[in-house]
Amino acid sequence: MEERKNISNRSHNVVLENRKKMSVSGVEHVTSFSPDIIILVTVQGNITIKGEELDIKKLNLDDGNLSIEGYISSIVYSDKEDIGSKGISFLGKMFK
């Protein structure tokens, strides 16, 4: 397996408690936030969190910690390189 490039020395952890509370470390940036979806950039890639009544209770980008409450229905990782390709249509990808 090929080693990942440009991974920061920061640690990254995700703790989910009863699908109602979530703690994430290694957060670099919050890209998007709404009661239904939160998109984060972490040292290990992007995380998309979907759910209901999602609320960021604590955010400290200096130490990279984030706490979320609400009903969490999905957590999906994607690579940092995928940020630029989101939102591009099928035809846009073909003629890239």
PDB file of N, CA and C in Angstrom:
ATOM      1  N   MET A   1       0.839  -1.182   0.000  1.00  0.00           N
ATOM      2  CA  MET A   1       0.000   0.000   0.000  1.00  0.00           C
ATOM      3  C   MET A   1       0.885   1.246   0.000  1.00  0.00           C
ATOM      4  N   GLU A   2       0.564   2.161  -0.852  1.00  0.00           N
ATOM      5  CA  GLU A   2       1.361   3.372  -0.986  1.00  0.00           C
ATOM      6  C   GLU A   2       1.128   4.307   0.203  1.00  0.00           C
ATOM      7  N   GLU A   3       2.232   4.876   0.724  1.00  0.00           N
ATOM      8  CA  GLU A   3       2.102   5.799   1.857  1.00  0.00           C
ATOM      9  C   GLU A   3       1.503   7.108   1.389  1.00  0.00           C
ATOM     10  N   ARG A   4       0.703   7.711   2.265  1.00  0.00           N
ATOM     11  CA  ARG A   4       0.068   8.989   1.952  1.00  0.00           C
ATOM     12  C   ARG A   4       1.097  10.106   2.074  1.00  0.00           C
ATOM     13  N   LYS A   5       1.009  11.077   1.186  1.00  0.00           N
ATOM     14  CA  LYS A   5       1.931  12.201   1.180  1.00  0.00           C
ATOM     15  C   LYS A   5       1.325  13.372   1.933  1.00  0.00           C
ATOM     16  N   ASN A   6       2.180  14.235   2.458  1.00  0.00           N
ATOM     17  CA  ASN A   6       1.795  15.497   3.084  1.00  0.00           C
ATOM     18  C   ASN A   6       0.871  15.337   4.293  1.00  0.00           C
ATOM     19  N   ILE A   7       1.023  14.284   5.054  1.00  0.00           N
ATOM     20  CA  ILE A   7       0.226  14.126   6.266  1.00  0.00           C
ATOM     21  C   ILE A   7       0.933  14.841   7.396  1.00  0.00           C
ATOM     22  N   SER A   8       0.202  15.707   8.042  1.00  0.00           N
ATOM     23  CA  SER A   8       0.746  16.497   9.139  1.00  0.00           C
ATOM     24  C   SER A   8       1.093  15.587  10.311  1.00  0.00           C
ATOM     25  N   ASN A   9       1.906  16.103  11.235  1.00  0.00           N
ATOM     26  CA  ASN A   9       2.262  15.344  12.429  1.00  0.00           C
ATOM     27  C   ASN A   9       1.141  15.324  13.457  1.00  0.00           C
ATOM     28  N   ARG A  10       0.083  16.087  13.242  1.00  0.00           N
ATOM     29  CA  ARG A  10      -1.050  16.083  14.154  1.00  0.00           C
ATOM     30  C   ARG A  10      -1.754  14.739  14.125  1.00  0.00           C
ATOM     31  N   SER A  11      -2.249  14.329  15.285  1.00  0.00           N
ATOM     32  CA  SER A  11      -3.009  13.091  15.314  1.00  0.00           C
ATOM     33  C   SER A  11      -4.448  13.359  14.903  1.00  0.00           C
ATOM     34  N   HIS A  12      -5.125  12.306  14.480  1.00  0.00           N
ATOM     35  CA  HIS A  12      -6.508  12.423  14.037  1.00  0.00           C
ATOM     36  C   HIS A  12      -7.310  11.303  14.685  1.00  0.00           C
ATOM     37  N   ASN A  13      -8.364  11.677  15.378  1.00  0.00           N
ATOM     38  CA  ASN A  13      -9.249  10.710  16.010  1.00  0.00           C
ATOM     39  C   ASN A  13     -10.692  11.122  15.802  1.00  0.00           C
ATOM     40  N   VAL A  14     -11.562  10.118  15.704  1.00  0.00           N
ATOM     41  CA  VAL A  14     -12.998  10.348  15.638  1.00  0.00           C
ATOM     42  C   VAL A  14     -13.633   9.468  16.707  1.00  0.00           C
ATOM     43  N   VAL A  15     -14.415  10.100  17.595  1.00  0.00           N
ATOM     44  CA  VAL A  15     -15.124   9.356  18.637  1.00  0.00           C
ATOM     45  C   VAL A  15     -16.605   9.665  18.470  1.00  0.00           C
ATOM     46  N   LEU A  16     -17.408   8.612  18.294  1.00  0.00           N
ATOM     47  CA  LEU A  16     -18.845   8.754  18.122  1.00  0.00           C
ATOM     48  C   LEU A  16     -19.541   8.047  19.280  1.00  0.00           C
ATOM     49  N   GLU A  17     -20.400   8.787  19.999  1.00  0.00           N
ATOM     50  CA  GLU A  17     -21.112   8.236  21.150  1.00  0.00           C
ATOM     51  C   GLU A  17     -22.603   8.155  20.844  1.00  0.00           C
ATOM     52  N   ASN A  18     -23.125   6.942  20.716  1.00  0.00           N
ATOM     53  CA  ASN A  18     -24.561   6.700  20.521  1.00  0.00           C
ATOM     54  C   ASN A  18     -25.163   7.490  19.354  1.00  0.00           C
ATOM     55  N   ARG A  19     -24.369   7.778  18.350  1.00  0.00           N
ATOM     56  CA  ARG A  19     -24.793   8.526  17.162  1.00  0.00           C
ATOM     57  C   ARG A  19     -25.357   9.903  17.498  1.00  0.00           C
ATOM     58  N   LYS A  20     -25.068  10.410  18.706  1.00  0.00           N
ATOM     59  CA  LYS A  20     -25.589  11.710  19.123  1.00  0.00           C
ATOM     60  C   LYS A  20     -24.502  12.718  19.466  1.00  0.00           C
ATOM     61  N   LYS A  21     -23.316  12.252  19.812  1.00  0.00           N
ATOM     62  CA  LYS A  21     -22.196  13.135  20.121  1.00  0.00           C
ATOM     63  C   LYS A  21     -20.973  12.634  19.366  1.00  0.00           C
ATOM     64  N   MET A  22     -20.228  13.587  18.808  1.00  0.00           N
ATOM     65  CA  MET A  22     -19.047  13.217  18.035  1.00  0.00           C
ATOM     66  C   MET A  22     -17.928  14.188  18.356  1.00  0.00           C
ATOM     67  N   SER A  23     -16.735  13.657  18.569  1.00  0.00           N
ATOM     68  CA  SER A  23     -15.537  14.463  18.777  1.00  0.00           C
ATOM     69  C   SER A  23     -14.545  14.113  17.681  1.00  0.00           C
ATOM     70  N   VAL A  24     -13.936  15.150  17.103  1.00  0.00           N
ATOM     71  CA  VAL A  24     -12.965  14.947  16.035  1.00  0.00           C
ATOM     72  C   VAL A  24     -11.718  15.754  16.379  1.00  0.00           C
ATOM     73  N   SER A  25     -10.547  15.130  16.275  1.00  0.00           N
ATOM     74  CA  SER A  25      -9.288  15.852  16.431  1.00  0.00           C
ATOM     75  C   SER A  25      -8.566  15.848  15.092  1.00  0.00           C
ATOM     76  N   GLY A  26      -7.626  16.760  14.927  1.00  0.00           N
ATOM     77  CA  GLY A  26      -6.906  16.883  13.662  1.00  0.00           C
ATOM     78  C   GLY A  26      -7.661  17.705  12.637  1.00  0.00           C
ATOM     79  N   VAL A  27      -8.618  18.528  13.086  1.00  0.00           N
ATOM     80  CA  VAL A  27      -9.410  19.364  12.180  1.00  0.00           C
ATOM     81  C   VAL A  27      -8.587  20.584  11.773  1.00  0.00           C
ATOM     82  N   GLU A  28      -8.537  20.845  10.484  1.00  0.00           N
ATOM     83  CA  GLU A  28      -7.828  22.008   9.964  1.00  0.00           C
ATOM     84  C   GLU A  28      -8.770  23.142   9.572  1.00  0.00           C
ATOM     85  N   HIS A  29      -9.978  22.778   9.110  1.00  0.00           N
ATOM     86  CA  HIS A  29     -10.895  23.798   8.590  1.00  0.00           C
ATOM     87  C   HIS A  29     -12.314  23.228   8.521  1.00  0.00           C
ATOM     88  N   VAL A  30     -13.313  24.053   8.800  1.00  0.00           N
ATOM     89  CA  VAL A  30     -14.713  23.681   8.585  1.00  0.00           C
ATOM     90  C   VAL A  30     -15.125  24.327   7.271  1.00  0.00           C
ATOM     91  N   THR A  31     -15.369  23.510   6.263  1.00  0.00           N
ATOM     92  CA  THR A  31     -15.697  24.001   4.934  1.00  0.00           C
ATOM     93  C   THR A  31     -17.142  24.452   4.829  1.00  0.00           C
ATOM     94  N   SER A  32     -18.054  23.658   5.419  1.00  0.00           N
ATOM     95  CA  SER A  32     -19.469  23.947   5.313  1.00  0.00           C
ATOM     96  C   SER A  32     -20.171  23.439   6.560  1.00  0.00           C
ATOM     97  N   PHE A  33     -21.240  24.163   6.952  1.00  0.00           N
ATOM     98  CA  PHE A  33     -21.986  23.763   8.137  1.00  0.00           C
ATOM     99  C   PHE A  33     -23.453  24.114   7.964  1.00  0.00           C
ATOM    100  N   SER A  34     -24.323  23.140   8.214  1.00  0.00           N
ATOM    101  CA  SER A  34     -25.762  23.355   8.272  1.00  0.00           C
ATOM    102  C   SER A  34     -26.318  22.309   9.245  1.00  0.00           C
ATOM    103  N   PRO A  35     -27.584  22.403   9.624  1.00  0.00           N
ATOM    104  CA  PRO A  35     -28.149  21.402  10.542  1.00  0.00           C
ATOM    105  C   PRO A  35     -28.190  19.984   9.963  1.00  0.00           C
ATOM    106  N   ASP A  36     -27.997  19.860   8.633  1.00  0.00           N
ATOM    107  CA  ASP A  36     -28.074  18.555   7.983  1.00  0.00           C
ATOM    108  C   ASP A  36     -26.732  17.998   7.526  1.00  0.00           C
ATOM    109  N   ILE A  37     -25.728  18.868   7.368  1.00  0.00           N
ATOM    110  CA  ILE A  37     -24.435  18.405   6.841  1.00  0.00           C
ATOM    111  C   ILE A  37     -23.303  19.307   7.337  1.00  0.00           C
ATOM    112  N   ILE A  38     -22.193  18.669   7.693  1.00  0.00           N
ATOM    113  CA  ILE A  38     -20.983  19.386   8.083  1.00  0.00           C
ATOM    114  C   ILE A  38     -19.839  18.806   7.268  1.00  0.00           C
ATOM    115  N   ILE A  39     -19.042  19.672   6.643  1.00  0.00           N
ATOM    116  CA  ILE A  39     -17.891  19.225   5.855  1.00  0.00           C
ATOM    117  C   ILE A  39     -16.637  19.795   6.496  1.00  0.00           C
ATOM    118  N   LEU A  40     -15.708  18.894   6.837  1.00  0.00           N
ATOM    119  CA  LEU A  40     -14.467  19.261   7.520  1.00  0.00           C
ATOM    120  C   LEU A  40     -13.260  18.899   6.681  1.00  0.00           C
ATOM    121  N   VAL A  41     -12.195  19.659   6.841  1.00  0.00           N
ATOM    122  CA  VAL A  41     -10.891  19.285   6.299  1.00  0.00           C
ATOM    123  C   VAL A  41     -10.046  18.893   7.502  1.00  0.00           C
ATOM    124  N   THR A  42      -9.522  17.657   7.485  1.00  0.00           N
ATOM    125  CA  THR A  42      -8.681  17.169   8.569  1.00  0.00           C
ATOM    126  C   THR A  42      -7.315  16.787   8.026  1.00  0.00           C
ATOM    127  N   VAL A  43      -6.418  16.423   8.918  1.00  0.00           N
ATOM    128  CA  VAL A  43      -5.077  16.016   8.500  1.00  0.00           C
ATOM    129  C   VAL A  43      -5.092  14.698   7.732  1.00  0.00           C
ATOM    130  N   GLN A  44      -6.190  13.953   7.794  1.00  0.00           N
ATOM    131  CA  GLN A  44      -6.313  12.681   7.087  1.00  0.00           C
ATOM    132  C   GLN A  44      -7.256  12.748   5.891  1.00  0.00           C
ATOM    133  N   GLY A  45      -7.697  13.935   5.520  1.00  0.00           N
ATOM    134  CA  GLY A  45      -8.609  14.081   4.390  1.00  0.00           C
ATOM    135  C   GLY A  45      -9.879  14.788   4.809  1.00  0.00           C
ATOM    136  N   ASN A  46     -10.823  14.855   3.880  1.00  0.00           N
ATOM    137  CA  ASN A  46     -12.100  15.520   4.143  1.00  0.00           C
ATOM    138  C   ASN A  46     -13.060  14.547   4.811  1.00  0.00           C
ATOM    139  N   ILE A  47     -13.914  15.085   5.671  1.00  0.00           N
ATOM    140  CA  ILE A  47     -14.966  14.290   6.284  1.00  0.00           C
ATOM    141  C   ILE A  47     -16.284  14.993   6.036  1.00  0.00           C
ATOM    142  N   THR A  48     -17.262  14.255   5.532  1.00  0.00           N
ATOM    143  CA  THR A  48     -18.619  14.754   5.375  1.00  0.00           C
ATOM    144  C   THR A  48     -19.483  14.034   6.393  1.00  0.00           C
ATOM    145  N   ILE A  49     -20.129  14.817   7.256  1.00  0.00           N
ATOM    146  CA  ILE A  49     -20.975  14.266   8.309  1.00  0.00           C
ATOM    147  C   ILE A  49     -22.400  14.669   7.987  1.00  0.00           C
ATOM    148  N   LYS A  50     -23.290  13.683   7.849  1.00  0.00           N
ATOM    149  CA  LYS A  50     -24.691  13.959   7.563  1.00  0.00           C
ATOM    150  C   LYS A  50     -25.538  13.525   8.746  1.00  0.00           C
ATOM    151  N   GLY A  51     -26.630  14.248   8.956  1.00  0.00           N
ATOM    152  CA  GLY A  51     -27.516  13.902  10.048  1.00  0.00           C
ATOM    153  C   GLY A  51     -28.655  14.886  10.164  1.00  0.00           C
ATOM    154  N   GLU A  52     -29.196  14.981  11.372  1.00  0.00           N
ATOM    155  CA  GLU A  52     -30.317  15.871  11.654  1.00  0.00           C
ATOM    156  C   GLU A  52     -29.998  16.700  12.887  1.00  0.00           C
ATOM    157  N   GLU A  53     -30.363  17.962  12.840  1.00  0.00           N
ATOM    158  CA  GLU A  53     -30.166  18.886  13.954  1.00  0.00           C
ATOM    159  C   GLU A  53     -28.712  18.908  14.433  1.00  0.00           C
ATOM    160  N   LEU A  54     -27.778  18.890  13.489  1.00  0.00           N
ATOM    161  CA  LEU A  54     -26.356  18.914  13.821  1.00  0.00           C
ATOM    162  C   LEU A  54     -25.974  20.301  14.327  1.00  0.00           C
ATOM    163  N   ASP A  55     -25.189  20.324  15.387  1.00  0.00           N
ATOM    164  CA  ASP A  55     -24.768  21.579  15.998  1.00  0.00           C
ATOM    165  C   ASP A  55     -23.322  21.449  16.446  1.00  0.00           C
ATOM    166  N   ILE A  56     -22.494  22.413  16.060  1.00  0.00           N
ATOM    167  CA  ILE A  56     -21.106  22.427  16.508  1.00  0.00           C
ATOM    168  C   ILE A  56     -21.085  23.048  17.900  1.00  0.00           C
ATOM    169  N   LYS A  57     -20.735  22.250  18.888  1.00  0.00           N
ATOM    170  CA  LYS A  57     -20.713  22.709  20.277  1.00  0.00           C
ATOM    171  C   LYS A  57     -19.383  23.328  20.649  1.00  0.00           C
ATOM    172  N   LYS A  58     -18.297  22.819  20.066  1.00  0.00           N
ATOM    173  CA  LYS A  58     -16.964  23.333  20.387  1.00  0.00           C
ATOM    174  C   LYS A  58     -16.100  23.231  19.137  1.00  0.00           C
ATOM    175  N   LEU A  59     -15.401  24.312  18.843  1.00  0.00           N
ATOM    176  CA  LEU A  59     -14.468  24.312  17.721  1.00  0.00           C
ATOM    177  C   LEU A  59     -13.244  25.104  18.132  1.00  0.00           C
ATOM    178  N   ASN A  60     -12.083  24.452  18.082  1.00  0.00           N
ATOM    179  CA  ASN A  60     -10.818  25.103  18.380  1.00  0.00           C
ATOM    180  C   ASN A  60      -9.829  24.682  17.306  1.00  0.00           C
ATOM    181  N   LEU A  61      -9.618  25.554  16.330  1.00  0.00           N
ATOM    182  CA  LEU A  61      -8.719  25.214  15.228  1.00  0.00           C
ATOM    183  C   LEU A  61      -7.255  25.293  15.630  1.00  0.00           C
ATOM    184  N   ASP A  62      -6.957  25.982  16.741  1.00  0.00           N
ATOM    185  CA  ASP A  62      -5.568  26.034  17.212  1.00  0.00           C
ATOM    186  C   ASP A  62      -5.081  24.655  17.617  1.00  0.00           C
ATOM    187  N   ASP A  63      -5.930  23.891  18.316  1.00  0.00           N
ATOM    188  CA  ASP A  63      -5.539  22.527  18.684  1.00  0.00           C
ATOM    189  C   ASP A  63      -6.229  21.472  17.811  1.00  0.00           C
ATOM    190  N   GLY A  64      -7.115  21.899  16.890  1.00  0.00           N
ATOM    191  CA  GLY A  64      -7.726  20.986  15.927  1.00  0.00           C
ATOM    192  C   GLY A  64      -8.855  20.141  16.472  1.00  0.00           C
ATOM    193  N   ASN A  65      -9.531  20.598  17.525  1.00  0.00           N
ATOM    194  CA  ASN A  65     -10.607  19.812  18.127  1.00  0.00           C
ATOM    195  C   ASN A  65     -11.983  20.378  17.785  1.00  0.00           C
ATOM    196  N   LEU A  66     -12.937  19.456  17.570  1.00  0.00           N
ATOM    197  CA  LEU A  66     -14.298  19.811  17.230  1.00  0.00           C
ATOM    198  C   LEU A  66     -15.246  18.867  17.955  1.00  0.00           C
ATOM    199  N   SER A  67     -16.352  19.403  18.476  1.00  0.00           N
ATOM    200  CA  SER A  67     -17.398  18.594  19.097  1.00  0.00           C
ATOM    201  C   SER A  67     -18.721  18.894  18.417  1.00  0.00           C
ATOM    202  N   ILE A  68     -19.451  17.843  18.073  1.00  0.00           N
ATOM    203  CA  ILE A  68     -20.727  17.965  17.377  1.00  0.00           C
ATOM    204  C   ILE A  68     -21.789  17.221  18.175  1.00  0.00           C
ATOM    205  N   GLU A  69     -23.001  17.780  18.208  1.00  0.00           N
ATOM    206  CA  GLU A  69     -24.147  17.088  18.791  1.00  0.00           C
ATOM    207  C   GLU A  69     -25.276  17.093  17.777  1.00  0.00           C
ATOM    208  N   GLY A  70     -26.137  16.098  17.839  1.00  0.00           N
ATOM    209  CA  GLY A  70     -27.255  15.929  16.924  1.00  0.00           C
ATOM    210  C   GLY A  70     -27.303  14.469  16.512  1.00  0.00           C
ATOM    211  N   TYR A  71     -28.253  14.099  15.670  1.00  0.00           N
ATOM    212  CA  TYR A  71     -28.342  12.723  15.196  1.00  0.00           C
ATOM    213  C   TYR A  71     -27.446  12.562  13.971  1.00  0.00           C
ATOM    214  N   ILE A  72     -26.459  11.686  14.068  1.00  0.00           N
ATOM    215  CA  ILE A  72     -25.472  11.479  12.998  1.00  0.00           C
ATOM    216  C   ILE A  72     -25.848  10.228  12.226  1.00  0.00           C
ATOM    217  N   SER A  73     -26.129  10.399  10.931  1.00  0.00           N
ATOM    218  CA  SER A  73     -26.542   9.257  10.111  1.00  0.00           C
ATOM    219  C   SER A  73     -25.435   8.722   9.217  1.00  0.00           C
ATOM    220  N   SER A  74     -24.423   9.569   8.882  1.00  0.00           N
ATOM    221  CA  SER A  74     -23.320   9.047   8.070  1.00  0.00           C
ATOM    222  C   SER A  74     -22.064   9.885   8.249  1.00  0.00           C
ATOM    223  N   ILE A  75     -20.928   9.197   8.120  1.00  0.00           N
ATOM    224  CA  ILE A  75     -19.609   9.824   8.162  1.00  0.00           C
ATOM    225  C   ILE A  75     -18.845   9.275   6.964  1.00  0.00           C
ATOM    226  N   VAL A  76     -18.407  10.166   6.072  1.00  0.00           N
ATOM    227  CA  VAL A  76     -17.728   9.725   4.851  1.00  0.00           C
ATOM    228  C   VAL A  76     -16.416  10.485   4.706  1.00  0.00           C
ATOM    229  N   TYR A  77     -15.339   9.740   4.469  1.00  0.00           N
ATOM    230  CA  TYR A  77     -14.021  10.331   4.204  1.00  0.00           C
ATOM    231  C   TYR A  77     -13.806  10.456   2.700  1.00  0.00           C
ATOM    232  N   SER A  78     -13.061  11.490   2.308  1.00  0.00           N
ATOM    233  CA  SER A  78     -12.565  11.608   0.942  1.00  0.00           C
ATOM    234  C   SER A  78     -11.187  12.252   1.019  1.00  0.00           C
ATOM    235  N   ASP A  79     -10.394  12.069  -0.032  1.00  0.00           N
ATOM    236  CA  ASP A  79      -9.045  12.607  -0.030  1.00  0.00           C
ATOM    237  C   ASP A  79      -9.062  14.107  -0.233  1.00  0.00           C
ATOM    238  N   LYS A  80      -8.022  14.784   0.259  1.00  0.00           N
ATOM    239  CA  LYS A  80      -7.920  16.236   0.124  1.00  0.00           C
ATOM    240  C   LYS A  80      -7.915  16.660  -1.342  1.00  0.00           C
ATOM    241  N   GLU A  81      -7.373  15.838  -2.210  1.00  0.00           N
ATOM    242  CA  GLU A  81      -7.311  16.180  -3.622  1.00  0.00           C
ATOM    243  C   GLU A  81      -8.689  16.241  -4.246  1.00  0.00           C
ATOM    244  N   ASP A  82      -9.690  15.607  -3.623  1.00  0.00           N
ATOM    245  CA  ASP A  82     -11.042  15.575  -4.163  1.00  0.00           C
ATOM    246  C   ASP A  82     -11.792  16.880  -3.959  1.00  0.00           C
ATOM    247  N   ILE A  83     -11.256  17.825  -3.186  1.00  0.00           N
ATOM    248  CA  ILE A  83     -11.957  19.073  -2.906  1.00  0.00           C
ATOM    249  C   ILE A  83     -12.280  19.811  -4.197  1.00  0.00           C
ATOM    250  N   GLY A  84     -11.309  19.932  -5.079  1.00  0.00           N
ATOM    251  CA  GLY A  84     -11.506  20.693  -6.301  1.00  0.00           C
ATOM    252  C   GLY A  84     -12.464  20.050  -7.274  1.00  0.00           C
ATOM    253  N   SER A  85     -12.633  18.746  -7.230  1.00  0.00           N
ATOM    254  CA  SER A  85     -13.485  18.075  -8.199  1.00  0.00           C
ATOM    255  C   SER A  85     -14.947  18.053  -7.778  1.00  0.00           C
ATOM    256  N   LYS A  86     -15.266  18.409  -6.535  1.00  0.00           N
ATOM    257  CA  LYS A  86     -16.662  18.410  -6.105  1.00  0.00           C
ATOM    258  C   LYS A  86     -17.396  19.533  -6.804  1.00  0.00           C
ATOM    259  N   GLY A  87     -18.588  19.244  -7.225  1.00  0.00           N
ATOM    260  CA  GLY A  87     -19.411  20.252  -7.862  1.00  0.00           C
ATOM    261  C   GLY A  87     -19.187  20.372  -9.353  1.00  0.00           C
ATOM    262  N   ILE A  88     -18.252  19.610  -9.900  1.00  0.00           N
ATOM    263  CA  ILE A  88     -18.015  19.630 -11.338  1.00  0.00           C
ATOM    264  C   ILE A  88     -18.915  18.587 -11.983  1.00  0.00           C
ATOM    265  N   SER A  89     -19.609  18.966 -13.036  1.00  0.00           N
ATOM    266  CA  SER A  89     -20.516  18.050 -13.702  1.00  0.00           C
ATOM    267  C   SER A  89     -19.740  16.950 -14.436  1.00  0.00           C
ATOM    268  N   PHE A  90     -20.482  15.957 -14.886  1.00  0.00           N
ATOM    269  CA  PHE A  90     -19.910  14.862 -15.648  1.00  0.00           C
ATOM    270  C   PHE A  90     -19.186  15.381 -16.887  1.00  0.00           C
ATOM    271  N   LEU A  91     -19.830  16.282 -17.627  1.00  0.00           N
ATOM    272  CA  LEU A  91     -19.205  16.837 -18.833  1.00  0.00           C
ATOM    273  C   LEU A  91     -17.976  17.669 -18.475  1.00  0.00           C
ATOM    274  N   GLY A  92     -18.038  18.377 -17.351  1.00  0.00           N
ATOM    275  CA  GLY A  92     -16.884  19.164 -16.909  1.00  0.00           C
ATOM    276  C   GLY A  92     -15.677  18.275 -16.646  1.00  0.00           C
ATOM    277  N   LYS A  93     -15.912  17.097 -16.107  1.00  0.00           N
ATOM    278  CA  LYS A  93     -14.820  16.146 -15.853  1.00  0.00           C
ATOM    279  C   LYS A  93     -14.278  15.580 -17.160  1.00  0.00           C
ATOM    280  N   MET A  94     -15.164  15.348 -18.143  1.00  0.00           N
ATOM    281  CA  MET A  94     -14.725  14.783 -19.412  1.00  0.00           C
ATOM    282  C   MET A  94     -13.815  15.735 -20.174  1.00  0.00           C
ATOM    283  N   PHE A  95     -14.103  17.036 -20.097  1.00  0.00           N
ATOM    284  CA  PHE A  95     -13.345  18.008 -20.887  1.00  0.00           C
ATOM    285  C   PHE A  95     -12.288  18.705 -20.074  1.00  0.00           C
ATOM    286  N   LYS A  96     -11.910  18.112 -18.973  1.00  0.00           N
ATOM    287  CA  LYS A  96     -10.896  18.688 -18.087  1.00  0.00           C
ATOM    288  C   LYS A  96      -9.538  18.650 -18.729  1.00  0.00           C
TER     289      LYS A  96
END
